[in-house]
Amino acid sequence: MKEISEVKFRSILCPVAYLLTPKQRTITRFMNIDATITWAVDVLNNFSQLTKEEQDAFEFLHKYQDLILELNKLSCCTNKILKNLKESGLSVETSNATLLELDQLQKSDNIRLSSVGNELAIHIQQKQQKLSHATTDTSKEIVWHCSSDVIESLFGYYKRIKSPNPMNGVTKQVFLLSFMTFTCLRRGGIKNININDFLVGNTLEEIDDWAKNISP
């Protein structure tokens, strides 16, 4: 990341600037590393087609080629798993599919990839055991919602409707987050979720009534 920052600083106004890594906030450069890895792989794959000046600017990537390809393989695997879990939730079926994907990492000759695959597989197996104990009704499939995207949407919605007075602090409207989750479960769980309905369909009166019912 340090050398990427350095080449970006040197080349920002140069002809090679169009090839620079995607712009990211400093605080998220490791959280959203996928974009940087994808960029590095693309540059390496097309390196022979670059001009001499462009090759000189990005020659340093060859020094980290093995690490880049390793991270790219890990990124592709985890993104595929996340897509399935975000769209379908965590169930026995999706956890088995996840373990199947992780099996490729576990069998890797790369020690680091194999270690990551083992750790993730253990985590999924633990969650799978909790799923099996979540109900005694074997005919009913248990699906747990496991996407942080909706949580972020909930907080975004809360921040939009909360009092604009900065001295007012967190009001009882914070109950909206729990209320929406409660309402979701009451209406049939993850398979019947219509996110838009929950974001716009709950009134402050409903929140007040619900807050009174749960207050000690």
N, C-alpha and C. Protein backbone atom coordinates (compact mmCIF):
# COMPACT_ATOMS: atom_id res chain seq x y z
N MET A 1 0.83 -1.20 0.00
CA MET A 1 0.00 0.00 0.00
C MET A 1 0.88 1.26 0.00
N LYS A 2 2.01 1.18 0.67
CA LYS A 2 2.90 2.33 0.72
C LYS A 2 3.43 2.68 -0.66
N GLU A 3 3.85 1.66 -1.43
CA GLU A 3 4.39 1.93 -2.76
C GLU A 3 3.29 2.36 -3.72
N ILE A 4 2.09 1.87 -3.53
CA ILE A 4 0.96 2.32 -4.36
C ILE A 4 0.69 3.79 -4.11
N SER A 5 0.76 4.20 -2.84
CA SER A 5 0.56 5.62 -2.50
C SER A 5 1.65 6.49 -3.10
N GLU A 6 2.86 5.96 -3.08
CA GLU A 6 3.99 6.72 -3.61
C GLU A 6 3.87 6.93 -5.12
N VAL A 7 3.52 5.88 -5.84
CA VAL A 7 3.39 6.02 -7.29
C VAL A 7 2.20 6.90 -7.65
N LYS A 8 1.17 6.86 -6.83
CA LYS A 8 0.02 7.74 -7.06
C LYS A 8 0.42 9.19 -6.88
N PHE A 9 1.23 9.47 -5.87
CA PHE A 9 1.69 10.84 -5.61
C PHE A 9 2.59 11.33 -6.75
N ARG A 10 3.47 10.45 -7.24
CA ARG A 10 4.41 10.84 -8.30
C ARG A 10 3.73 11.00 -9.66
N SER A 11 2.68 10.22 -9.89
CA SER A 11 2.14 10.13 -11.25
C SER A 11 0.78 10.79 -11.44
N ILE A 12 0.28 11.46 -10.42
CA ILE A 12 -1.08 11.98 -10.47
C ILE A 12 -1.32 12.92 -11.65
N LEU A 13 -0.31 13.69 -12.06
CA LEU A 13 -0.46 14.61 -13.18
C LEU A 13 0.33 14.18 -14.41
N CYS A 14 0.73 12.92 -14.43
CA CYS A 14 1.53 12.39 -15.55
C CYS A 14 0.63 11.62 -16.53
N PRO A 15 1.16 11.31 -17.70
CA PRO A 15 0.36 10.56 -18.69
C PRO A 15 -0.12 9.19 -18.21
N VAL A 16 0.57 8.63 -17.20
CA VAL A 16 0.18 7.30 -16.72
C VAL A 16 -0.92 7.37 -15.66
N ALA A 17 -1.41 8.57 -15.37
CA ALA A 17 -2.37 8.75 -14.28
C ALA A 17 -3.65 7.94 -14.49
N TYR A 18 -4.01 7.69 -15.76
CA TYR A 18 -5.26 6.95 -16.02
C TYR A 18 -5.18 5.50 -15.56
N LEU A 19 -3.97 5.02 -15.28
CA LEU A 19 -3.78 3.65 -14.84
C LEU A 19 -3.68 3.51 -13.31
N LEU A 20 -3.75 4.62 -12.61
CA LEU A 20 -3.58 4.58 -11.15
C LEU A 20 -4.72 3.82 -10.48
N THR A 21 -4.42 3.33 -9.29
CA THR A 21 -5.39 2.56 -8.51
C THR A 21 -6.63 3.39 -8.19
N PRO A 22 -7.80 2.75 -8.03
CA PRO A 22 -9.03 3.47 -7.68
C PRO A 22 -8.84 4.30 -6.42
N LYS A 23 -9.45 5.47 -6.41
CA LYS A 23 -9.33 6.36 -5.26
C LYS A 23 -10.12 5.80 -4.08
N GLN A 24 -9.48 5.79 -2.92
CA GLN A 24 -10.12 5.31 -1.71
C GLN A 24 -9.77 6.22 -0.54
N ARG A 25 -10.71 6.30 0.40
CA ARG A 25 -10.39 7.04 1.63
C ARG A 25 -9.31 6.29 2.40
N THR A 26 -8.42 7.03 3.01
CA THR A 26 -7.30 6.42 3.74
C THR A 26 -7.78 5.46 4.81
N ILE A 27 -8.85 5.80 5.49
CA ILE A 27 -9.32 4.99 6.61
C ILE A 27 -9.87 3.64 6.16
N THR A 28 -10.23 3.53 4.86
CA THR A 28 -10.84 2.28 4.38
C THR A 28 -9.94 1.53 3.40
N ARG A 29 -8.69 1.92 3.30
CA ARG A 29 -7.84 1.32 2.26
C ARG A 29 -7.58 -0.17 2.48
N PHE A 30 -7.69 -0.62 3.74
CA PHE A 30 -7.51 -2.05 4.00
C PHE A 30 -8.85 -2.76 4.09
N MET A 31 -9.90 -2.04 4.47
CA MET A 31 -11.23 -2.63 4.54
C MET A 31 -11.74 -2.97 3.14
N ASN A 32 -11.47 -2.09 2.18
CA ASN A 32 -11.94 -2.29 0.80
C ASN A 32 -10.77 -2.60 -0.12
N ILE A 33 -10.00 -3.58 0.27
CA ILE A 33 -8.77 -3.89 -0.47
C ILE A 33 -9.07 -4.61 -1.78
N ASP A 34 -10.30 -5.14 -1.94
CA ASP A 34 -10.64 -5.88 -3.16
C ASP A 34 -10.41 -5.06 -4.42
N ALA A 35 -10.80 -3.78 -4.37
CA ALA A 35 -10.65 -2.92 -5.55
C ALA A 35 -9.18 -2.76 -5.94
N THR A 36 -8.32 -2.63 -4.94
CA THR A 36 -6.89 -2.49 -5.19
C THR A 36 -6.30 -3.79 -5.75
N ILE A 37 -6.73 -4.93 -5.22
CA ILE A 37 -6.25 -6.22 -5.71
C ILE A 37 -6.68 -6.44 -7.16
N THR A 38 -7.93 -6.14 -7.46
CA THR A 38 -8.43 -6.29 -8.83
C THR A 38 -7.65 -5.41 -9.79
N TRP A 39 -7.38 -4.18 -9.36
CA TRP A 39 -6.59 -3.25 -10.17
C TRP A 39 -5.19 -3.81 -10.43
N ALA A 40 -4.54 -4.32 -9.39
CA ALA A 40 -3.18 -4.85 -9.53
C ALA A 40 -3.13 -6.05 -10.47
N VAL A 41 -4.13 -6.93 -10.36
CA VAL A 41 -4.19 -8.10 -11.24
C VAL A 41 -4.36 -7.66 -12.70
N ASP A 42 -5.23 -6.67 -12.92
CA ASP A 42 -5.46 -6.17 -14.28
C ASP A 42 -4.18 -5.56 -14.86
N VAL A 43 -3.44 -4.80 -14.05
CA VAL A 43 -2.20 -4.19 -14.53
C VAL A 43 -1.18 -5.27 -14.88
N LEU A 44 -1.04 -6.28 -14.03
CA LEU A 44 -0.10 -7.37 -14.28
C LEU A 44 -0.47 -8.17 -15.53
N ASN A 45 -1.76 -8.42 -15.70
CA ASN A 45 -2.21 -9.20 -16.86
C ASN A 45 -1.99 -8.46 -18.17
N ASN A 46 -1.97 -7.14 -18.12
CA ASN A 46 -1.83 -6.34 -19.35
C ASN A 46 -0.49 -5.61 -19.41
N PHE A 47 0.44 -6.06 -18.58
CA PHE A 47 1.72 -5.35 -18.46
C PHE A 47 2.46 -5.26 -19.79
N SER A 48 2.42 -6.31 -20.57
CA SER A 48 3.17 -6.32 -21.84
C SER A 48 2.62 -5.32 -22.86
N GLN A 49 1.39 -4.88 -22.65
CA GLN A 49 0.77 -3.95 -23.58
C GLN A 49 1.00 -2.49 -23.18
N LEU A 50 1.62 -2.28 -22.04
CA LEU A 50 1.86 -0.92 -21.56
C LEU A 50 3.07 -0.31 -22.25
N THR A 51 3.12 1.01 -22.27
CA THR A 51 4.28 1.70 -22.82
C THR A 51 5.45 1.58 -21.85
N LYS A 52 6.63 1.95 -22.32
CA LYS A 52 7.83 1.88 -21.47
C LYS A 52 7.64 2.74 -20.22
N GLU A 53 7.09 3.92 -20.37
CA GLU A 53 6.88 4.81 -19.22
C GLU A 53 5.90 4.19 -18.23
N GLU A 54 4.83 3.57 -18.74
CA GLU A 54 3.84 2.94 -17.87
C GLU A 54 4.42 1.72 -17.16
N GLN A 55 5.23 0.95 -17.87
CA GLN A 55 5.86 -0.22 -17.24
C GLN A 55 6.82 0.20 -16.14
N ASP A 56 7.56 1.27 -16.36
CA ASP A 56 8.48 1.75 -15.32
C ASP A 56 7.72 2.18 -14.07
N ALA A 57 6.56 2.79 -14.27
CA ALA A 57 5.77 3.30 -13.15
C ALA A 57 5.22 2.15 -12.27
N PHE A 58 4.87 1.03 -12.92
CA PHE A 58 4.21 -0.05 -12.18
C PHE A 58 5.04 -1.31 -12.09
N GLU A 59 6.32 -1.19 -12.36
CA GLU A 59 7.23 -2.33 -12.28
C GLU A 59 7.23 -2.94 -10.88
N PHE A 60 7.04 -2.13 -9.85
CA PHE A 60 7.10 -2.60 -8.46
C PHE A 60 6.06 -3.69 -8.18
N LEU A 61 4.99 -3.77 -8.98
CA LEU A 61 3.94 -4.76 -8.74
C LEU A 61 4.47 -6.19 -8.91
N HIS A 62 5.48 -6.36 -9.77
CA HIS A 62 6.03 -7.70 -9.97
C HIS A 62 6.67 -8.25 -8.69
N LYS A 63 7.16 -7.35 -7.87
CA LYS A 63 7.78 -7.77 -6.61
C LYS A 63 6.76 -8.42 -5.67
N TYR A 64 5.50 -8.02 -5.83
CA TYR A 64 4.45 -8.53 -4.96
C TYR A 64 3.47 -9.44 -5.72
N GLN A 65 3.88 -9.92 -6.87
CA GLN A 65 2.95 -10.67 -7.72
C GLN A 65 2.36 -11.89 -7.01
N ASP A 66 3.18 -12.65 -6.32
CA ASP A 66 2.67 -13.84 -5.62
C ASP A 66 1.63 -13.47 -4.57
N LEU A 67 1.91 -12.42 -3.82
CA LEU A 67 0.96 -11.97 -2.79
C LEU A 67 -0.33 -11.47 -3.42
N ILE A 68 -0.20 -10.73 -4.52
CA ILE A 68 -1.38 -10.19 -5.21
C ILE A 68 -2.28 -11.32 -5.71
N LEU A 69 -1.69 -12.33 -6.32
CA LEU A 69 -2.47 -13.46 -6.83
C LEU A 69 -3.08 -14.27 -5.69
N GLU A 70 -2.35 -14.35 -4.59
CA GLU A 70 -2.86 -15.05 -3.41
C GLU A 70 -4.09 -14.33 -2.85
N LEU A 71 -3.97 -13.02 -2.70
CA LEU A 71 -5.09 -12.24 -2.18
C LEU A 71 -6.27 -12.23 -3.15
N ASN A 72 -5.97 -12.26 -4.44
CA ASN A 72 -7.04 -12.28 -5.44
C ASN A 72 -7.84 -13.58 -5.35
N LYS A 73 -7.13 -14.69 -5.17
CA LYS A 73 -7.81 -15.98 -5.03
C LYS A 73 -8.69 -15.99 -3.78
N LEU A 74 -8.18 -15.44 -2.69
CA LEU A 74 -8.95 -15.37 -1.45
C LEU A 74 -10.16 -14.46 -1.63
N SER A 75 -9.95 -13.33 -2.29
CA SER A 75 -11.03 -12.37 -2.51
C SER A 75 -12.15 -12.98 -3.36
N CYS A 76 -11.78 -13.68 -4.42
CA CYS A 76 -12.79 -14.30 -5.29
C CYS A 76 -13.62 -15.33 -4.52
N CYS A 77 -12.96 -16.10 -3.69
CA CYS A 77 -13.64 -17.13 -2.92
C CYS A 77 -14.60 -16.51 -1.89
N THR A 78 -14.11 -15.55 -1.12
CA THR A 78 -14.94 -14.94 -0.07
C THR A 78 -16.09 -14.13 -0.66
N ASN A 79 -15.86 -13.45 -1.79
CA ASN A 79 -16.93 -12.66 -2.41
C ASN A 79 -18.05 -13.57 -2.91
N LYS A 80 -17.69 -14.73 -3.45
CA LYS A 80 -18.70 -15.69 -3.90
C LYS A 80 -19.52 -16.19 -2.72
N ILE A 81 -18.84 -16.46 -1.61
CA ILE A 81 -19.53 -16.93 -0.39
C ILE A 81 -20.45 -15.84 0.15
N LEU A 82 -19.93 -14.60 0.23
CA LEU A 82 -20.72 -13.49 0.77
C LEU A 82 -21.95 -13.21 -0.07
N LYS A 83 -21.81 -13.29 -1.37
CA LYS A 83 -22.95 -13.05 -2.27
C LYS A 83 -24.08 -14.04 -1.98
N ASN A 84 -23.71 -15.30 -1.82
CA ASN A 84 -24.71 -16.33 -1.54
C ASN A 84 -25.37 -16.12 -0.18
N LEU A 85 -24.56 -15.81 0.84
CA LEU A 85 -25.11 -15.64 2.19
C LEU A 85 -25.95 -14.37 2.30
N LYS A 86 -25.54 -13.30 1.63
CA LYS A 86 -26.31 -12.06 1.68
C LYS A 86 -27.66 -12.22 1.00
N GLU A 87 -27.68 -12.96 -0.10
CA GLU A 87 -28.91 -13.10 -0.86
C GLU A 87 -29.84 -14.17 -0.28
N SER A 88 -29.27 -15.24 0.26
CA SER A 88 -30.09 -16.38 0.70
C SER A 88 -30.11 -16.59 2.20
N GLY A 89 -29.27 -15.84 2.94
CA GLY A 89 -29.22 -16.03 4.39
C GLY A 89 -28.38 -17.25 4.75
N LEU A 90 -28.20 -17.45 6.05
CA LEU A 90 -27.43 -18.61 6.53
C LEU A 90 -28.39 -19.73 6.91
N SER A 91 -28.28 -20.82 6.22
CA SER A 91 -29.11 -21.99 6.48
C SER A 91 -28.22 -23.22 6.36
N VAL A 92 -28.79 -24.38 6.59
CA VAL A 92 -28.01 -25.61 6.43
C VAL A 92 -27.54 -25.73 4.98
N GLU A 93 -28.42 -25.38 4.05
CA GLU A 93 -28.08 -25.48 2.63
C GLU A 93 -26.94 -24.54 2.25
N THR A 94 -27.05 -23.26 2.65
CA THR A 94 -26.02 -22.30 2.27
C THR A 94 -24.72 -22.52 3.03
N SER A 95 -24.81 -23.03 4.26
CA SER A 95 -23.58 -23.32 5.01
C SER A 95 -22.83 -24.49 4.38
N ASN A 96 -23.57 -25.47 3.85
CA ASN A 96 -22.93 -26.59 3.15
C ASN A 96 -22.25 -26.10 1.86
N ALA A 97 -22.93 -25.18 1.16
CA ALA A 97 -22.35 -24.61 -0.06
C ALA A 97 -21.09 -23.81 0.28
N THR A 98 -21.12 -23.13 1.42
CA THR A 98 -19.96 -22.35 1.86
C THR A 98 -18.78 -23.27 2.17
N LEU A 99 -19.06 -24.35 2.87
CA LEU A 99 -18.00 -25.31 3.22
C LEU A 99 -17.39 -25.93 1.96
N LEU A 100 -18.22 -26.10 0.94
CA LEU A 100 -17.73 -26.65 -0.32
C LEU A 100 -16.76 -25.68 -0.99
N GLU A 101 -17.10 -24.39 -0.94
CA GLU A 101 -16.22 -23.37 -1.51
C GLU A 101 -14.91 -23.28 -0.71
N LEU A 102 -15.04 -23.35 0.60
CA LEU A 102 -13.84 -23.24 1.46
C LEU A 102 -12.93 -24.45 1.31
N ASP A 103 -13.48 -25.56 0.88
CA ASP A 103 -12.68 -26.77 0.70
C ASP A 103 -11.54 -26.53 -0.31
N GLN A 104 -11.80 -25.65 -1.28
CA GLN A 104 -10.77 -25.33 -2.27
C GLN A 104 -9.59 -24.60 -1.61
N LEU A 105 -9.91 -23.72 -0.67
CA LEU A 105 -8.85 -23.02 0.05
C LEU A 105 -8.09 -23.98 0.97
N GLN A 106 -8.84 -24.82 1.65
CA GLN A 106 -8.22 -25.75 2.59
C GLN A 106 -7.24 -26.69 1.92
N LYS A 107 -7.51 -27.03 0.66
CA LYS A 107 -6.65 -27.95 -0.08
C LYS A 107 -5.51 -27.24 -0.81
N SER A 108 -5.44 -25.92 -0.65
CA SER A 108 -4.40 -25.15 -1.34
C SER A 108 -3.01 -25.49 -0.81
N ASP A 109 -2.04 -25.45 -1.71
CA ASP A 109 -0.65 -25.68 -1.31
C ASP A 109 -0.09 -24.48 -0.55
N ASN A 110 -0.77 -23.35 -0.68
CA ASN A 110 -0.35 -22.14 0.02
C ASN A 110 -0.77 -22.24 1.49
N ILE A 111 0.17 -22.17 2.38
CA ILE A 111 -0.11 -22.35 3.81
C ILE A 111 -1.08 -21.30 4.33
N ARG A 112 -0.89 -20.04 3.89
CA ARG A 112 -1.76 -18.97 4.39
C ARG A 112 -3.21 -19.16 3.92
N LEU A 113 -3.38 -19.51 2.64
CA LEU A 113 -4.73 -19.73 2.12
C LEU A 113 -5.38 -20.93 2.80
N SER A 114 -4.61 -21.97 3.00
CA SER A 114 -5.12 -23.16 3.67
C SER A 114 -5.55 -22.84 5.11
N SER A 115 -4.74 -22.01 5.79
CA SER A 115 -5.05 -21.63 7.17
C SER A 115 -6.33 -20.81 7.24
N VAL A 116 -6.48 -19.86 6.32
CA VAL A 116 -7.70 -19.05 6.28
C VAL A 116 -8.91 -19.94 6.01
N GLY A 117 -8.77 -20.86 5.06
CA GLY A 117 -9.87 -21.78 4.75
C GLY A 117 -10.27 -22.61 5.95
N ASN A 118 -9.29 -23.09 6.71
CA ASN A 118 -9.58 -23.89 7.91
C ASN A 118 -10.31 -23.07 8.97
N GLU A 119 -9.85 -21.86 9.20
CA GLU A 119 -10.46 -21.01 10.23
C GLU A 119 -11.91 -20.66 9.87
N LEU A 120 -12.13 -20.32 8.60
CA LEU A 120 -13.48 -19.97 8.16
C LEU A 120 -14.41 -21.19 8.21
N ALA A 121 -13.87 -22.36 7.86
CA ALA A 121 -14.68 -23.58 7.89
C ALA A 121 -15.11 -23.90 9.32
N ILE A 122 -14.20 -23.73 10.26
CA ILE A 122 -14.54 -23.97 11.67
C ILE A 122 -15.66 -23.03 12.12
N HIS A 123 -15.56 -21.77 11.71
CA HIS A 123 -16.58 -20.78 12.08
C HIS A 123 -17.95 -21.17 11.51
N ILE A 124 -17.98 -21.55 10.23
CA ILE A 124 -19.24 -21.93 9.60
C ILE A 124 -19.82 -23.19 10.24
N GLN A 125 -18.97 -24.14 10.58
CA GLN A 125 -19.44 -25.37 11.23
C GLN A 125 -20.06 -25.07 12.59
N GLN A 126 -19.49 -24.12 13.32
CA GLN A 126 -20.05 -23.73 14.61
C GLN A 126 -21.43 -23.10 14.44
N LYS A 127 -21.57 -22.27 13.43
CA LYS A 127 -22.87 -21.65 13.15
C LYS A 127 -23.88 -22.70 12.70
N GLN A 128 -23.39 -23.68 11.95
CA GLN A 128 -24.27 -24.75 11.47
C GLN A 128 -24.82 -25.55 12.63
N GLN A 129 -24.01 -25.78 13.65
CA GLN A 129 -24.48 -26.50 14.83
C GLN A 129 -25.56 -25.72 15.56
N LYS A 130 -25.39 -24.40 15.63
CA LYS A 130 -26.41 -23.56 16.28
C LYS A 130 -27.72 -23.59 15.48
N LEU A 131 -27.60 -23.65 14.16
CA LEU A 131 -28.80 -23.73 13.32
C LEU A 131 -29.58 -25.01 13.63
N SER A 132 -28.87 -26.10 13.79
CA SER A 132 -29.52 -27.40 14.01
C SER A 132 -30.24 -27.45 15.36
N HIS A 133 -29.80 -26.59 16.31
CA HIS A 133 -30.43 -26.58 17.64
C HIS A 133 -31.45 -25.44 17.79
N ALA A 134 -31.67 -24.69 16.70
CA ALA A 134 -32.54 -23.52 16.79
C ALA A 134 -34.02 -23.90 16.83
N THR A 135 -34.36 -25.09 16.35
CA THR A 135 -35.76 -25.52 16.37
C THR A 135 -35.83 -27.03 16.48
N THR A 136 -36.93 -27.52 17.06
CA THR A 136 -37.16 -28.96 17.14
C THR A 136 -38.02 -29.44 15.97
N ASP A 137 -38.52 -28.48 15.19
CA ASP A 137 -39.36 -28.82 14.04
C ASP A 137 -38.46 -29.09 12.83
N THR A 138 -38.24 -30.37 12.54
CA THR A 138 -37.32 -30.73 11.45
C THR A 138 -37.88 -30.39 10.07
N SER A 139 -39.18 -30.13 9.99
CA SER A 139 -39.80 -29.82 8.69
C SER A 139 -39.64 -28.33 8.34
N LYS A 140 -39.21 -27.55 9.31
CA LYS A 140 -39.09 -26.10 9.10
C LYS A 140 -37.64 -25.71 8.92
N GLU A 141 -37.35 -25.08 7.78
CA GLU A 141 -35.97 -24.66 7.51
C GLU A 141 -35.66 -23.35 8.24
N ILE A 142 -34.56 -23.34 8.95
CA ILE A 142 -34.13 -22.14 9.66
C ILE A 142 -33.19 -21.34 8.76
N VAL A 143 -33.50 -20.07 8.59
CA VAL A 143 -32.65 -19.19 7.78
C VAL A 143 -32.35 -17.94 8.61
N TRP A 144 -31.06 -17.68 8.83
CA TRP A 144 -30.65 -16.49 9.56
C TRP A 144 -30.17 -15.42 8.59
N HIS A 145 -30.67 -14.23 8.80
CA HIS A 145 -30.21 -13.12 7.98
C HIS A 145 -28.82 -12.70 8.46
N CYS A 146 -27.88 -12.53 7.52
CA CYS A 146 -26.51 -12.24 7.95
C CYS A 146 -25.83 -11.20 7.05
N SER A 147 -26.59 -10.21 6.63
CA SER A 147 -26.02 -9.14 5.80
C SER A 147 -25.98 -7.84 6.58
N SER A 148 -24.80 -7.23 6.66
CA SER A 148 -24.67 -5.95 7.35
C SER A 148 -25.26 -4.81 6.52
N ASP A 149 -25.55 -5.06 5.25
CA ASP A 149 -26.10 -4.01 4.39
C ASP A 149 -27.40 -3.47 4.95
N VAL A 150 -28.26 -4.37 5.44
CA VAL A 150 -29.55 -3.95 5.97
C VAL A 150 -29.35 -3.19 7.28
N ILE A 151 -28.40 -3.64 8.10
CA ILE A 151 -28.12 -2.92 9.35
C ILE A 151 -27.69 -1.49 9.05
N GLU A 152 -26.83 -1.34 8.04
CA GLU A 152 -26.40 0.00 7.65
C GLU A 152 -27.57 0.83 7.15
N SER A 153 -28.49 0.19 6.43
CA SER A 153 -29.68 0.90 5.94
C SER A 153 -30.56 1.33 7.11
N LEU A 154 -30.67 0.47 8.12
CA LEU A 154 -31.47 0.81 9.30
C LEU A 154 -30.92 2.05 9.99
N PHE A 155 -29.60 2.09 10.19
CA PHE A 155 -29.01 3.24 10.84
C PHE A 155 -29.12 4.48 9.97
N GLY A 156 -28.99 4.30 8.67
CA GLY A 156 -29.15 5.42 7.75
C GLY A 156 -30.55 6.00 7.83
N TYR A 157 -31.54 5.12 7.91
CA TYR A 157 -32.93 5.56 8.02
C TYR A 157 -33.16 6.27 9.35
N TYR A 158 -32.61 5.71 10.41
CA TYR A 158 -32.75 6.33 11.73
C TYR A 158 -32.14 7.73 11.76
N LYS A 159 -30.94 7.87 11.18
CA LYS A 159 -30.26 9.16 11.18
C LYS A 159 -31.03 10.20 10.37
N ARG A 160 -31.76 9.73 9.36
CA ARG A 160 -32.51 10.66 8.51
C ARG A 160 -33.73 11.22 9.23
N ILE A 161 -34.41 10.38 10.04
CA ILE A 161 -35.65 10.84 10.66
C ILE A 161 -35.47 11.35 12.08
N LYS A 162 -34.29 11.14 12.68
CA LYS A 162 -34.11 11.57 14.07
C LYS A 162 -34.12 13.10 14.16
N SER A 163 -34.31 13.57 15.35
CA SER A 163 -34.39 15.00 15.56
C SER A 163 -33.12 15.71 15.06
N PRO A 164 -33.29 16.82 14.31
CA PRO A 164 -32.12 17.55 13.82
C PRO A 164 -31.42 18.35 14.90
N ASN A 165 -32.01 18.41 16.10
CA ASN A 165 -31.43 19.16 17.19
C ASN A 165 -30.25 18.37 17.77
N PRO A 166 -28.99 18.85 17.60
CA PRO A 166 -27.82 18.08 18.08
C PRO A 166 -27.78 17.94 19.59
N MET A 167 -28.54 18.78 20.32
CA MET A 167 -28.54 18.71 21.77
C MET A 167 -29.55 17.69 22.29
N ASN A 168 -30.32 17.13 21.38
CA ASN A 168 -31.40 16.24 21.77
C ASN A 168 -30.92 14.82 22.03
N GLY A 169 -29.75 14.47 21.47
CA GLY A 169 -29.19 13.15 21.70
C GLY A 169 -29.99 12.05 21.02
N VAL A 170 -29.77 10.81 21.45
CA VAL A 170 -30.49 9.66 20.90
C VAL A 170 -31.83 9.55 21.60
N THR A 171 -32.90 9.72 20.84
CA THR A 171 -34.24 9.67 21.42
C THR A 171 -34.78 8.25 21.36
N LYS A 172 -36.02 8.12 21.76
CA LYS A 172 -36.65 6.79 21.73
C LYS A 172 -36.82 6.27 20.31
N GLN A 173 -36.55 7.13 19.33
CA GLN A 173 -36.65 6.66 17.94
C GLN A 173 -35.60 5.59 17.62
N VAL A 174 -34.60 5.46 18.48
CA VAL A 174 -33.62 4.39 18.27
C VAL A 174 -34.30 3.03 18.35
N PHE A 175 -35.47 2.96 19.03
CA PHE A 175 -36.22 1.71 19.10
C PHE A 175 -36.68 1.26 17.72
N LEU A 176 -36.66 2.19 16.76
CA LEU A 176 -37.08 1.85 15.41
C LEU A 176 -36.27 0.68 14.85
N LEU A 177 -34.97 0.62 15.20
CA LEU A 177 -34.11 -0.44 14.68
C LEU A 177 -34.58 -1.81 15.15
N SER A 178 -34.83 -1.92 16.46
CA SER A 178 -35.30 -3.19 17.00
C SER A 178 -36.72 -3.49 16.53
N PHE A 179 -37.53 -2.45 16.45
CA PHE A 179 -38.93 -2.63 16.06
C PHE A 179 -39.02 -3.19 14.65
N MET A 180 -38.18 -2.69 13.75
CA MET A 180 -38.22 -3.17 12.37
C MET A 180 -37.80 -4.63 12.29
N THR A 181 -36.81 -5.01 13.10
CA THR A 181 -36.39 -6.41 13.14
C THR A 181 -37.50 -7.29 13.70
N PHE A 182 -38.14 -6.80 14.77
CA PHE A 182 -39.24 -7.53 15.39
C PHE A 182 -40.38 -7.72 14.39
N THR A 183 -40.71 -6.66 13.68
CA THR A 183 -41.80 -6.70 12.71
C THR A 183 -41.48 -7.68 11.58
N CYS A 184 -40.21 -7.69 11.17
CA CYS A 184 -39.77 -8.59 10.12
C CYS A 184 -40.02 -10.04 10.52
N LEU A 185 -39.64 -10.41 11.74
CA LEU A 185 -39.82 -11.78 12.22
C LEU A 185 -41.29 -12.12 12.34
N ARG A 186 -42.08 -11.16 12.80
CA ARG A 186 -43.51 -11.39 12.98
C ARG A 186 -44.21 -11.63 11.65
N ARG A 187 -43.66 -11.06 10.59
CA ARG A 187 -44.31 -11.19 9.28
C ARG A 187 -43.77 -12.35 8.45
N GLY A 188 -42.99 -13.21 9.06
CA GLY A 188 -42.63 -14.42 8.34
C GLY A 188 -41.17 -14.65 8.09
N GLY A 189 -40.29 -13.76 8.56
CA GLY A 189 -38.86 -14.02 8.43
C GLY A 189 -38.26 -13.55 7.13
N ILE A 190 -37.04 -13.98 6.90
CA ILE A 190 -36.21 -13.43 5.83
C ILE A 190 -36.79 -13.62 4.44
N LYS A 191 -37.48 -14.72 4.21
CA LYS A 191 -37.97 -15.00 2.87
C LYS A 191 -39.12 -14.08 2.47
N ASN A 192 -39.74 -13.45 3.45
CA ASN A 192 -40.86 -12.56 3.14
C ASN A 192 -40.51 -11.09 3.36
N ILE A 193 -39.22 -10.79 3.41
CA ILE A 193 -38.81 -9.42 3.67
C ILE A 193 -38.99 -8.55 2.43
N ASN A 194 -39.61 -7.41 2.63
CA ASN A 194 -39.61 -6.35 1.62
C ASN A 194 -38.99 -5.15 2.31
N ILE A 195 -37.70 -4.93 2.06
CA ILE A 195 -36.95 -3.91 2.80
C ILE A 195 -37.62 -2.54 2.68
N ASN A 196 -38.12 -2.21 1.51
CA ASN A 196 -38.73 -0.90 1.32
C ASN A 196 -39.92 -0.71 2.25
N ASP A 197 -40.72 -1.78 2.42
CA ASP A 197 -41.88 -1.68 3.32
C ASP A 197 -41.46 -1.33 4.73
N PHE A 198 -40.37 -1.94 5.20
CA PHE A 198 -39.92 -1.70 6.57
C PHE A 198 -39.30 -0.31 6.72
N LEU A 199 -38.68 0.17 5.66
CA LEU A 199 -38.03 1.47 5.74
C LEU A 199 -39.04 2.61 5.74
N VAL A 200 -40.16 2.43 5.06
CA VAL A 200 -41.12 3.54 4.94
C VAL A 200 -42.47 3.26 5.58
N GLY A 201 -42.70 2.01 5.99
CA GLY A 201 -44.04 1.64 6.42
C GLY A 201 -44.33 1.69 7.90
N ASN A 202 -43.33 1.96 8.74
CA ASN A 202 -43.55 1.99 10.19
C ASN A 202 -43.73 3.43 10.67
N THR A 203 -44.77 3.64 11.45
CA THR A 203 -45.06 4.99 11.94
C THR A 203 -44.47 5.21 13.32
N LEU A 204 -44.33 6.48 13.69
CA LEU A 204 -43.83 6.80 15.03
C LEU A 204 -44.81 6.33 16.11
N GLU A 205 -46.09 6.30 15.80
CA GLU A 205 -47.08 5.82 16.76
C GLU A 205 -46.85 4.33 17.06
N GLU A 206 -46.53 3.57 16.02
CA GLU A 206 -46.25 2.14 16.22
C GLU A 206 -45.00 1.97 17.10
N ILE A 207 -44.02 2.81 16.87
CA ILE A 207 -42.79 2.73 17.66
C ILE A 207 -43.09 3.05 19.12
N ASP A 208 -43.90 4.07 19.35
CA ASP A 208 -44.26 4.45 20.72
C ASP A 208 -44.96 3.30 21.44
N ASP A 209 -45.92 2.68 20.75
CA ASP A 209 -46.67 1.57 21.36
C ASP A 209 -45.74 0.40 21.66
N TRP A 210 -44.86 0.11 20.74
CA TRP A 210 -43.95 -1.02 20.92
C TRP A 210 -42.98 -0.74 22.07
N ALA A 211 -42.49 0.51 22.15
CA ALA A 211 -41.56 0.89 23.21
C ALA A 211 -42.21 0.76 24.59
N LYS A 212 -43.50 1.11 24.68
CA LYS A 212 -44.20 1.00 25.95
C LYS A 212 -44.35 -0.46 26.36
N ASN A 213 -44.56 -1.33 25.39
CA ASN A 213 -44.77 -2.74 25.70
C ASN A 213 -43.48 -3.42 26.20
N ILE A 214 -42.34 -2.96 25.73
CA ILE A 214 -41.09 -3.63 26.13
C ILE A 214 -40.43 -2.94 27.31
N SER A 215 -40.91 -1.75 27.67
CA SER A 215 -40.29 -1.02 28.79
C SER A 215 -40.58 -1.73 30.09
N PRO A 216 -39.60 -1.80 30.99
CA PRO A 216 -39.80 -2.46 32.29
C PRO A 216 -40.79 -1.69 33.15
